[in-house]
Amino acid sequence: MARRARIDLASNAGAGAGTAFDWPGGDGVFMAEATWGGGNAKLEIQSPNGTWLGVQNYATTTPISLTANGTANFRAPAGPIRVNITTASAVYAYVVGVPSNVAG
């Protein structure tokens, strides 16, 4: 089974919206570690209309907003994806694709 791509969304970053990267679509894991200081890291995807929307946690259906080192599962369509950081510093954030069990 082929390994799915990892996208580095932030590397030692501070507050602000990160650079958008092309997400191929499907299941993934968002992970972040940082000096949080009360801040957060939100995973966002761009709508066809150009608006940035919060990507929902696969398990809870609430937008992903990490406030401590950790991970969250998600499923998103193909399109631009980014991390948006508030207050936190030294943020490292990634998305990693999860292989499908469906034979193709």
PDB file of N, CA and C in Angstrom:
ATOM      1  N   MET A   1       0.845  -1.168   0.000  1.00  0.00           N
ATOM      2  CA  MET A   1       0.000   0.000   0.000  1.00  0.00           C
ATOM      3  C   MET A   1       0.896   1.238   0.000  1.00  0.00           C
ATOM      4  N   ALA A   2       0.578   2.179  -0.839  1.00  0.00           N
ATOM      5  CA  ALA A   2       1.384   3.393  -0.968  1.00  0.00           C
ATOM      6  C   ALA A   2       1.200   4.303   0.235  1.00  0.00           C
ATOM      7  N   ARG A   3       2.263   4.934   0.603  1.00  0.00           N
ATOM      8  CA  ARG A   3       2.233   5.901   1.697  1.00  0.00           C
ATOM      9  C   ARG A   3       1.608   7.197   1.205  1.00  0.00           C
ATOM     10  N   ARG A   4       0.740   7.798   1.999  1.00  0.00           N
ATOM     11  CA  ARG A   4       0.090   9.060   1.640  1.00  0.00           C
ATOM     12  C   ARG A   4       1.016  10.223   1.975  1.00  0.00           C
ATOM     13  N   ALA A   5       0.807  11.316   1.311  1.00  0.00           N
ATOM     14  CA  ALA A   5       1.652  12.496   1.436  1.00  0.00           C
ATOM     15  C   ALA A   5       1.542  13.154   2.804  1.00  0.00           C
ATOM     16  N   ARG A   6       2.634  13.786   3.202  1.00  0.00           N
ATOM     17  CA  ARG A   6       2.656  14.652   4.377  1.00  0.00           C
ATOM     18  C   ARG A   6       2.868  16.057   3.870  1.00  0.00           C
ATOM     19  N   ILE A   7       2.082  16.994   4.390  1.00  0.00           N
ATOM     20  CA  ILE A   7       2.235  18.399   4.035  1.00  0.00           C
ATOM     21  C   ILE A   7       2.642  19.156   5.284  1.00  0.00           C
ATOM     22  N   ASP A   8       3.765  19.864   5.225  1.00  0.00           N
ATOM     23  CA  ASP A   8       4.225  20.681   6.337  1.00  0.00           C
ATOM     24  C   ASP A   8       3.549  22.044   6.232  1.00  0.00           C
ATOM     25  N   LEU A   9       2.601  22.316   7.126  1.00  0.00           N
ATOM     26  CA  LEU A   9       1.844  23.564   7.093  1.00  0.00           C
ATOM     27  C   LEU A   9       2.555  24.713   7.800  1.00  0.00           C
ATOM     28  N   ALA A  10       3.314  24.392   8.847  1.00  0.00           N
ATOM     29  CA  ALA A  10       4.021  25.431   9.611  1.00  0.00           C
ATOM     30  C   ALA A  10       5.293  24.847  10.199  1.00  0.00           C
ATOM     31  N   SER A  11       6.356  25.623  10.182  1.00  0.00           N
ATOM     32  CA  SER A  11       7.628  25.201  10.742  1.00  0.00           C
ATOM     33  C   SER A  11       8.194  26.342  11.576  1.00  0.00           C
ATOM     34  N   ASN A  12       8.085  26.214  12.904  1.00  0.00           N
ATOM     35  CA  ASN A  12       8.539  27.238  13.843  1.00  0.00           C
ATOM     36  C   ASN A  12       7.840  28.573  13.572  1.00  0.00           C
ATOM     37  N   ALA A  13       6.537  28.503  13.316  1.00  0.00           N
ATOM     38  CA  ALA A  13       5.754  29.677  12.919  1.00  0.00           C
ATOM     39  C   ALA A  13       5.100  30.374  14.107  1.00  0.00           C
ATOM     40  N   GLY A  14       4.744  31.628  13.883  1.00  0.00           N
ATOM     41  CA  GLY A  14       4.004  32.418  14.855  1.00  0.00           C
ATOM     42  C   GLY A  14       2.589  32.647  14.366  1.00  0.00           C
ATOM     43  N   ALA A  15       1.919  33.603  15.000  1.00  0.00           N
ATOM     44  CA  ALA A  15       0.514  33.886  14.703  1.00  0.00           C
ATOM     45  C   ALA A  15       0.306  34.323  13.257  1.00  0.00           C
ATOM     46  N   GLY A  16      -0.853  33.938  12.721  1.00  0.00           N
ATOM     47  CA  GLY A  16      -1.243  34.340  11.377  1.00  0.00           C
ATOM     48  C   GLY A  16      -1.658  33.158  10.531  1.00  0.00           C
ATOM     49  N   ALA A  17      -2.222  33.468   9.393  1.00  0.00           N
ATOM     50  CA  ALA A  17      -2.642  32.444   8.445  1.00  0.00           C
ATOM     51  C   ALA A  17      -1.430  31.962   7.662  1.00  0.00           C
ATOM     52  N   GLY A  18      -1.269  30.663   7.588  1.00  0.00           N
ATOM     53  CA  GLY A  18      -0.145  30.082   6.875  1.00  0.00           C
ATOM     54  C   GLY A  18      -0.377  30.029   5.374  1.00  0.00           C
ATOM     55  N   THR A  19       0.644  29.609   4.677  1.00  0.00           N
ATOM     56  CA  THR A  19       0.586  29.420   3.234  1.00  0.00           C
ATOM     57  C   THR A  19      -0.373  28.283   2.913  1.00  0.00           C
ATOM     58  N   ALA A  20      -1.146  28.420   1.853  1.00  0.00           N
ATOM     59  CA  ALA A  20      -2.062  27.364   1.424  1.00  0.00           C
ATOM     60  C   ALA A  20      -1.306  26.310   0.621  1.00  0.00           C
ATOM     61  N   PHE A  21      -1.665  25.053   0.838  1.00  0.00           N
ATOM     62  CA  PHE A  21      -1.098  23.922   0.115  1.00  0.00           C
ATOM     63  C   PHE A  21      -2.245  23.109  -0.467  1.00  0.00           C
ATOM     64  N   ASP A  22      -1.972  22.398  -1.538  1.00  0.00           N
ATOM     65  CA  ASP A  22      -3.000  21.603  -2.198  1.00  0.00           C
ATOM     66  C   ASP A  22      -3.198  20.279  -1.473  1.00  0.00           C
ATOM     67  N   TRP A  23      -4.411  20.075  -0.952  1.00  0.00           N
ATOM     68  CA  TRP A  23      -4.772  18.813  -0.308  1.00  0.00           C
ATOM     69  C   TRP A  23      -5.426  17.930  -1.370  1.00  0.00           C
ATOM     70  N   PRO A  24      -4.979  16.667  -1.532  1.00  0.00           N
ATOM     71  CA  PRO A  24      -5.515  15.816  -2.585  1.00  0.00           C
ATOM     72  C   PRO A  24      -6.923  15.289  -2.301  1.00  0.00           C
ATOM     73  N   GLY A  25      -7.412  15.515  -1.098  1.00  0.00           N
ATOM     74  CA  GLY A  25      -8.735  15.038  -0.708  1.00  0.00           C
ATOM     75  C   GLY A  25      -8.645  13.717   0.024  1.00  0.00           C
ATOM     76  N   GLY A  26      -9.631  13.452   0.880  1.00  0.00           N
ATOM     77  CA  GLY A  26      -9.687  12.199   1.610  1.00  0.00           C
ATOM     78  C   GLY A  26      -9.419  12.362   3.092  1.00  0.00           C
ATOM     79  N   ASP A  27      -9.158  11.220   3.732  1.00  0.00           N
ATOM     80  CA  ASP A  27      -8.910  11.185   5.166  1.00  0.00           C
ATOM     81  C   ASP A  27      -7.496  11.646   5.484  1.00  0.00           C
ATOM     82  N   GLY A  28      -7.364  12.326   6.620  1.00  0.00           N
ATOM     83  CA  GLY A  28      -6.055  12.779   7.047  1.00  0.00           C
ATOM     84  C   GLY A  28      -5.993  12.972   8.553  1.00  0.00           C
ATOM     85  N   VAL A  29      -4.792  13.222   9.032  1.00  0.00           N
ATOM     86  CA  VAL A  29      -4.560  13.545  10.432  1.00  0.00           C
ATOM     87  C   VAL A  29      -3.857  14.898  10.471  1.00  0.00           C
ATOM     88  N   PHE A  30      -4.426  15.828  11.234  1.00  0.00           N
ATOM     89  CA  PHE A  30      -3.815  17.132  11.480  1.00  0.00           C
ATOM     90  C   PHE A  30      -3.064  17.016  12.789  1.00  0.00           C
ATOM     91  N   MET A  31      -1.813  17.432  12.810  1.00  0.00           N
ATOM     92  CA  MET A  31      -1.026  17.383  14.037  1.00  0.00           C
ATOM     93  C   MET A  31      -0.283  18.686  14.218  1.00  0.00           C
ATOM     94  N   ALA A  32      -0.165  19.099  15.481  1.00  0.00           N
ATOM     95  CA  ALA A  32       0.536  20.339  15.775  1.00  0.00           C
ATOM     96  C   ALA A  32       1.199  20.242  17.140  1.00  0.00           C
ATOM     97  N   GLU A  33       2.322  20.928  17.242  1.00  0.00           N
ATOM     98  CA  GLU A  33       3.031  21.083  18.518  1.00  0.00           C
ATOM     99  C   GLU A  33       3.541  22.510  18.547  1.00  0.00           C
ATOM    100  N   ALA A  34       3.545  23.113  19.742  1.00  0.00           N
ATOM    101  CA  ALA A  34       3.881  24.532  19.822  1.00  0.00           C
ATOM    102  C   ALA A  34       4.115  24.952  21.253  1.00  0.00           C
ATOM    103  N   THR A  35       4.506  26.213  21.413  1.00  0.00           N
ATOM    104  CA  THR A  35       4.447  26.898  22.689  1.00  0.00           C
ATOM    105  C   THR A  35       3.098  27.609  22.644  1.00  0.00           C
ATOM    106  N   TRP A  36       2.111  27.057  23.312  1.00  0.00           N
ATOM    107  CA  TRP A  36       0.730  27.477  23.099  1.00  0.00           C
ATOM    108  C   TRP A  36       0.389  28.811  23.744  1.00  0.00           C
ATOM    109  N   GLY A  37       0.719  29.025  24.987  1.00  0.00           N
ATOM    110  CA  GLY A  37       0.467  30.317  25.644  1.00  0.00           C
ATOM    111  C   GLY A  37      -0.979  30.789  25.492  1.00  0.00           C
ATOM    112  N   GLY A  38      -1.936  29.866  25.513  1.00  0.00           N
ATOM    113  CA  GLY A  38      -3.337  30.232  25.368  1.00  0.00           C
ATOM    114  C   GLY A  38      -3.797  30.321  23.925  1.00  0.00           C
ATOM    115  N   GLY A  39      -2.914  30.060  22.971  1.00  0.00           N
ATOM    116  CA  GLY A  39      -3.266  30.163  21.556  1.00  0.00           C
ATOM    117  C   GLY A  39      -3.831  28.881  20.997  1.00  0.00           C
ATOM    118  N   ASN A  40      -4.010  28.869  19.674  1.00  0.00           N
ATOM    119  CA  ASN A  40      -4.521  27.680  19.010  1.00  0.00           C
ATOM    120  C   ASN A  40      -4.016  27.614  17.577  1.00  0.00           C
ATOM    121  N   ALA A  41      -4.228  26.466  16.981  1.00  0.00           N
ATOM    122  CA  ALA A  41      -3.917  26.246  15.562  1.00  0.00           C
ATOM    123  C   ALA A  41      -5.153  25.620  14.934  1.00  0.00           C
ATOM    124  N   LYS A  42      -5.728  26.313  13.961  1.00  0.00           N
ATOM    125  CA  LYS A  42      -6.944  25.852  13.295  1.00  0.00           C
ATOM    126  C   LYS A  42      -6.610  25.360  11.896  1.00  0.00           C
ATOM    127  N   LEU A  43      -7.202  24.242  11.527  1.00  0.00           N
ATOM    128  CA  LEU A  43      -7.056  23.708  10.173  1.00  0.00           C
ATOM    129  C   LEU A  43      -8.194  24.275   9.327  1.00  0.00           C
ATOM    130  N   GLU A  44      -7.850  24.859   8.178  1.00  0.00           N
ATOM    131  CA  GLU A  44      -8.843  25.502   7.324  1.00  0.00           C
ATOM    132  C   GLU A  44      -8.709  25.025   5.880  1.00  0.00           C
ATOM    133  N   ILE A  45      -9.842  25.003   5.176  1.00  0.00           N
ATOM    134  CA  ILE A  45      -9.876  24.677   3.759  1.00  0.00           C
ATOM    135  C   ILE A  45     -10.611  25.803   3.040  1.00  0.00           C
ATOM    136  N   GLN A  46     -10.218  26.053   1.805  1.00  0.00           N
ATOM    137  CA  GLN A  46     -10.833  27.139   1.046  1.00  0.00           C
ATOM    138  C   GLN A  46     -12.037  26.624   0.253  1.00  0.00           C
ATOM    139  N   SER A  47     -13.153  27.323   0.386  1.00  0.00           N
ATOM    140  CA  SER A  47     -14.362  26.952  -0.351  1.00  0.00           C
ATOM    141  C   SER A  47     -14.208  27.357  -1.815  1.00  0.00           C
ATOM    142  N   PRO A  48     -15.050  26.820  -2.702  1.00  0.00           N
ATOM    143  CA  PRO A  48     -14.999  27.235  -4.107  1.00  0.00           C
ATOM    144  C   PRO A  48     -15.229  28.738  -4.289  1.00  0.00           C
ATOM    145  N   ASN A  49     -15.867  29.386  -3.304  1.00  0.00           N
ATOM    146  CA  ASN A  49     -16.127  30.828  -3.358  1.00  0.00           C
ATOM    147  C   ASN A  49     -14.938  31.641  -2.837  1.00  0.00           C
ATOM    148  N   GLY A  50     -13.909  30.964  -2.312  1.00  0.00           N
ATOM    149  CA  GLY A  50     -12.715  31.651  -1.833  1.00  0.00           C
ATOM    150  C   GLY A  50     -12.686  31.928  -0.350  1.00  0.00           C
ATOM    151  N   THR A  51     -13.713  31.511   0.398  1.00  0.00           N
ATOM    152  CA  THR A  51     -13.766  31.726   1.846  1.00  0.00           C
ATOM    153  C   THR A  51     -13.018  30.607   2.563  1.00  0.00           C
ATOM    154  N   TRP A  52     -12.275  30.970   3.610  1.00  0.00           N
ATOM    155  CA  TRP A  52     -11.576  29.963   4.413  1.00  0.00           C
ATOM    156  C   TRP A  52     -12.526  29.453   5.486  1.00  0.00           C
ATOM    157  N   LEU A  53     -12.713  28.127   5.536  1.00  0.00           N
ATOM    158  CA  LEU A  53     -13.632  27.476   6.451  1.00  0.00           C
ATOM    159  C   LEU A  53     -12.879  26.496   7.345  1.00  0.00           C
ATOM    160  N   GLY A  54     -13.356  26.337   8.585  1.00  0.00           N
ATOM    161  CA  GLY A  54     -12.753  25.366   9.486  1.00  0.00           C
ATOM    162  C   GLY A  54     -13.033  23.948   9.035  1.00  0.00           C
ATOM    163  N   VAL A  55     -12.007  23.118   9.026  1.00  0.00           N
ATOM    164  CA  VAL A  55     -12.159  21.699   8.694  1.00  0.00           C
ATOM    165  C   VAL A  55     -12.668  20.991   9.937  1.00  0.00           C
ATOM    166  N   GLN A  56     -13.679  20.164   9.774  1.00  0.00           N
ATOM    167  CA  GLN A  56     -14.290  19.485  10.911  1.00  0.00           C
ATOM    168  C   GLN A  56     -13.526  18.245  11.333  1.00  0.00           C
ATOM    169  N   ASN A  57     -13.479  18.049  12.656  1.00  0.00           N
ATOM    170  CA  ASN A  57     -12.930  16.828  13.219  1.00  0.00           C
ATOM    171  C   ASN A  57     -13.808  15.663  12.785  1.00  0.00           C
ATOM    172  N   TYR A  58     -13.196  14.620  12.304  1.00  0.00           N
ATOM    173  CA  TYR A  58     -13.916  13.450  11.774  1.00  0.00           C
ATOM    174  C   TYR A  58     -14.828  12.816  12.835  1.00  0.00           C
ATOM    175  N   ALA A  59     -14.379  12.808  14.075  1.00  0.00           N
ATOM    176  CA  ALA A  59     -15.130  12.137  15.134  1.00  0.00           C
ATOM    177  C   ALA A  59     -16.210  13.019  15.760  1.00  0.00           C
ATOM    178  N   THR A  60     -15.965  14.305  15.896  1.00  0.00           N
ATOM    179  CA  THR A  60     -16.890  15.166  16.643  1.00  0.00           C
ATOM    180  C   THR A  60     -17.681  16.125  15.764  1.00  0.00           C
ATOM    181  N   THR A  61     -17.322  16.279  14.517  1.00  0.00           N
ATOM    182  CA  THR A  61     -17.923  17.210  13.558  1.00  0.00           C
ATOM    183  C   THR A  61     -17.859  18.666  14.005  1.00  0.00           C
ATOM    184  N   THR A  62     -16.919  19.001  14.884  1.00  0.00           N
ATOM    185  CA  THR A  62     -16.673  20.395  15.233  1.00  0.00           C
ATOM    186  C   THR A  62     -15.371  20.828  14.560  1.00  0.00           C
ATOM    187  N   PRO A  63     -15.242  22.102  14.196  1.00  0.00           N
ATOM    188  CA  PRO A  63     -13.997  22.550  13.557  1.00  0.00           C
ATOM    189  C   PRO A  63     -12.777  22.265  14.428  1.00  0.00           C
ATOM    190  N   ILE A  64     -11.707  21.869  13.780  1.00  0.00           N
ATOM    191  CA  ILE A  64     -10.474  21.530  14.484  1.00  0.00           C
ATOM    192  C   ILE A  64      -9.761  22.797  14.931  1.00  0.00           C
ATOM    193  N   SER A  65      -9.462  22.860  16.223  1.00  0.00           N
ATOM    194  CA  SER A  65      -8.705  23.958  16.801  1.00  0.00           C
ATOM    195  C   SER A  65      -7.887  23.378  17.957  1.00  0.00           C
ATOM    196  N   LEU A  66      -6.636  23.025  17.673  1.00  0.00           N
ATOM    197  CA  LEU A  66      -5.785  22.438  18.715  1.00  0.00           C
ATOM    198  C   LEU A  66      -5.250  23.530  19.628  1.00  0.00           C
ATOM    199  N   THR A  67      -5.295  23.279  20.927  1.00  0.00           N
ATOM    200  CA  THR A  67      -4.796  24.226  21.930  1.00  0.00           C
ATOM    201  C   THR A  67      -3.667  23.615  22.763  1.00  0.00           C
ATOM    202  N   ALA A  68      -3.270  22.402  22.398  1.00  0.00           N
ATOM    203  CA  ALA A  68      -2.166  21.692  23.044  1.00  0.00           C
ATOM    204  C   ALA A  68      -1.591  20.732  22.013  1.00  0.00           C
ATOM    205  N   ASN A  69      -0.380  20.262  22.253  1.00  0.00           N
ATOM    206  CA  ASN A  69       0.226  19.307  21.325  1.00  0.00           C
ATOM    207  C   ASN A  69      -0.720  18.128  21.134  1.00  0.00           C
ATOM    208  N   GLY A  70      -0.984  17.782  19.870  1.00  0.00           N
ATOM    209  CA  GLY A  70      -1.886  16.674  19.639  1.00  0.00           C
ATOM    210  C   GLY A  70      -2.239  16.482  18.188  1.00  0.00           C
ATOM    211  N   THR A  71      -3.256  15.641  17.969  1.00  0.00           N
ATOM    212  CA  THR A  71      -3.703  15.290  16.624  1.00  0.00           C
ATOM    213  C   THR A  71      -5.227  15.324  16.553  1.00  0.00           C
ATOM    214  N   ALA A  72      -5.733  15.401  15.326  1.00  0.00           N
ATOM    215  CA  ALA A  72      -7.173  15.315  15.079  1.00  0.00           C
ATOM    216  C   ALA A  72      -7.380  14.700  13.696  1.00  0.00           C
ATOM    217  N   ASN A  73      -8.319  13.794  13.592  1.00  0.00           N
ATOM    218  CA  ASN A  73      -8.648  13.155  12.318  1.00  0.00           C
ATOM    219  C   ASN A  73      -9.633  14.023  11.551  1.00  0.00           C
ATOM    220  N   PHE A  74      -9.522  14.025  10.234  1.00  0.00           N
ATOM    221  CA  PHE A  74     -10.449  14.788   9.407  1.00  0.00           C
ATOM    222  C   PHE A  74     -10.640  14.106   8.066  1.00  0.00           C
ATOM    223  N   ARG A  75     -11.686  14.518   7.384  1.00  0.00           N
ATOM    224  CA  ARG A  75     -11.937  14.121   5.995  1.00  0.00           C
ATOM    225  C   ARG A  75     -12.305  15.406   5.262  1.00  0.00           C
ATOM    226  N   ALA A  76     -11.630  15.681   4.162  1.00  0.00           N
ATOM    227  CA  ALA A  76     -11.862  16.921   3.427  1.00  0.00           C
ATOM    228  C   ALA A  76     -11.748  16.668   1.930  1.00  0.00           C
ATOM    229  N   PRO A  77     -12.495  17.444   1.154  1.00  0.00           N
ATOM    230  CA  PRO A  77     -12.377  17.330  -0.299  1.00  0.00           C
ATOM    231  C   PRO A  77     -11.049  17.916  -0.772  1.00  0.00           C
ATOM    232  N   ALA A  78     -10.709  17.644  -2.006  1.00  0.00           N
ATOM    233  CA  ALA A  78      -9.489  18.219  -2.576  1.00  0.00           C
ATOM    234  C   ALA A  78      -9.610  19.739  -2.622  1.00  0.00           C
ATOM    235  N   GLY A  79      -8.495  20.409  -2.360  1.00  0.00           N
ATOM    236  CA  GLY A  79      -8.484  21.863  -2.431  1.00  0.00           C
ATOM    237  C   GLY A  79      -7.412  22.458  -1.549  1.00  0.00           C
ATOM    238  N   PRO A  80      -7.293  23.784  -1.564  1.00  0.00           N
ATOM    239  CA  PRO A  80      -6.297  24.469  -0.741  1.00  0.00           C
ATOM    240  C   PRO A  80      -6.591  24.291   0.747  1.00  0.00           C
ATOM    241  N   ILE A  81      -5.541  24.010   1.518  1.00  0.00           N
ATOM    242  CA  ILE A  81      -5.664  23.808   2.963  1.00  0.00           C
ATOM    243  C   ILE A  81      -4.542  24.597   3.629  1.00  0.00           C
ATOM    244  N   ARG A  82      -4.800  25.083   4.851  1.00  0.00           N
ATOM    245  CA  ARG A  82      -3.782  25.856   5.574  1.00  0.00           C
ATOM    246  C   ARG A  82      -4.018  25.742   7.070  1.00  0.00           C
ATOM    247  N   VAL A  83      -3.053  26.226   7.842  1.00  0.00           N
ATOM    248  CA  VAL A  83      -3.209  26.358   9.285  1.00  0.00           C
ATOM    249  C   VAL A  83      -3.312  27.850   9.587  1.00  0.00           C
ATOM    250  N   ASN A  84      -4.174  28.194  10.539  1.00  0.00           N
ATOM    251  CA  ASN A  84      -4.327  29.573  10.979  1.00  0.00           C
ATOM    252  C   ASN A  84      -4.024  29.595  12.475  1.00  0.00           C
ATOM    253  N   ILE A  85      -2.973  30.317  12.848  1.00  0.00           N
ATOM    254  CA  ILE A  85      -2.448  30.296  14.215  1.00  0.00           C
ATOM    255  C   ILE A  85      -2.837  31.577  14.945  1.00  0.00           C
ATOM    256  N   THR A  86      -3.333  31.430  16.162  1.00  0.00           N
ATOM    257  CA  THR A  86      -3.659  32.567  17.012  1.00  0.00           C
ATOM    258  C   THR A  86      -2.817  32.481  18.278  1.00  0.00           C
ATOM    259  N   THR A  87      -2.034  33.493  18.543  1.00  0.00           N
ATOM    260  CA  THR A  87      -1.244  33.681  19.765  1.00  0.00           C
ATOM    261  C   THR A  87      -0.074  32.718  19.933  1.00  0.00           C
ATOM    262  N   ALA A  88      -0.222  31.460  19.595  1.00  0.00           N
ATOM    263  CA  ALA A  88       0.833  30.472  19.816  1.00  0.00           C
ATOM    264  C   ALA A  88       2.107  30.833  19.046  1.00  0.00           C
ATOM    265  N   SER A  89       3.230  30.306  19.520  1.00  0.00           N
ATOM    266  CA  SER A  89       4.511  30.530  18.841  1.00  0.00           C
ATOM    267  C   SER A  89       5.240  29.202  18.701  1.00  0.00           C
ATOM    268  N   ALA A  90       6.287  29.211  17.901  1.00  0.00           N
ATOM    269  CA  ALA A  90       7.079  28.010  17.628  1.00  0.00           C
ATOM    270  C   ALA A  90       6.165  26.845  17.228  1.00  0.00           C
ATOM    271  N   VAL A  91       5.251  27.126  16.314  1.00  0.00           N
ATOM    272  CA  VAL A  91       4.264  26.125  15.884  1.00  0.00           C
ATOM    273  C   VAL A  91       4.822  25.278  14.741  1.00  0.00           C
ATOM    274  N   TYR A  92       4.707  23.983  14.902  1.00  0.00           N
ATOM    275  CA  TYR A  92       5.001  23.009  13.860  1.00  0.00           C
ATOM    276  C   TYR A  92       3.685  22.288  13.592  1.00  0.00           C
ATOM    277  N   ALA A  93       3.178  22.364  12.373  1.00  0.00           N
ATOM    278  CA  ALA A  93       1.891  21.757  12.055  1.00  0.00           C
ATOM    279  C   ALA A  93       1.982  21.012  10.734  1.00  0.00           C
ATOM    280  N   TYR A  94       1.289  19.880  10.672  1.00  0.00           N
ATOM    281  CA  TYR A  94       1.339  19.000   9.511  1.00  0.00           C
ATOM    282  C   TYR A  94      -0.033  18.392   9.253  1.00  0.00           C
ATOM    283  N   VAL A  95      -0.263  17.977   8.022  1.00  0.00           N
ATOM    284  CA  VAL A  95      -1.360  17.069   7.714  1.00  0.00           C
ATOM    285  C   VAL A  95      -0.738  15.863   7.014  1.00  0.00           C
ATOM    286  N   VAL A  96      -1.233  14.704   7.377  1.00  0.00           N
ATOM    287  CA  VAL A  96      -0.735  13.457   6.793  1.00  0.00           C
ATOM    288  C   VAL A  96      -1.925  12.664   6.294  1.00  0.00           C
ATOM    289  N   GLY A  97      -1.870  12.235   5.041  1.00  0.00           N
ATOM    290  CA  GLY A  97      -2.943  11.439   4.473  1.00  0.00           C
ATOM    291  C   GLY A  97      -2.993  10.058   5.095  1.00  0.00           C
ATOM    292  N   VAL A  98      -4.199   9.539   5.242  1.00  0.00           N
ATOM    293  CA  VAL A  98      -4.414   8.198   5.784  1.00  0.00           C
ATOM    294  C   VAL A  98      -4.828   7.300   4.630  1.00  0.00           C
ATOM    295  N   PRO A  99      -4.090   6.225   4.366  1.00  0.00           N
ATOM    296  CA  PRO A  99      -4.433   5.339   3.250  1.00  0.00           C
ATOM    297  C   PRO A  99      -5.832   4.773   3.396  1.00  0.00           C
ATOM    298  N   SER A 100      -6.504   4.615   2.285  1.00  0.00           N
ATOM    299  CA  SER A 100      -7.837   4.020   2.258  1.00  0.00           C
ATOM    300  C   SER A 100      -7.713   2.510   2.215  1.00  0.00           C
ATOM    301  N   ASN A 101      -8.680   1.838   2.812  1.00  0.00           N
ATOM    302  CA  ASN A 101      -8.703   0.372   2.769  1.00  0.00           C
ATOM    303  C   ASN A 101      -9.397  -0.152   1.523  1.00  0.00           C
ATOM    304  N   VAL A 102      -9.877   0.765   0.690  1.00  0.00           N
ATOM    305  CA  VAL A 102     -10.596   0.384  -0.512  1.00  0.00           C
ATOM    306  C   VAL A 102      -9.602   0.029  -1.609  1.00  0.00           C
ATOM    307  N   ALA A 103      -9.755  -1.139  -2.191  1.00  0.00           N
ATOM    308  CA  ALA A 103      -8.880  -1.538  -3.290  1.00  0.00           C
ATOM    309  C   ALA A 103      -9.215  -0.717  -4.525  1.00  0.00           C
ATOM    310  N   GLY A 104      -8.196  -0.282  -5.241  1.00  0.00           N
ATOM    311  CA  GLY A 104      -8.478   0.562  -6.393  1.00  0.00           C
ATOM    312  C   GLY A 104      -7.695   0.222  -7.606  1.00  0.00           C
TER     313      GLY A 104
END
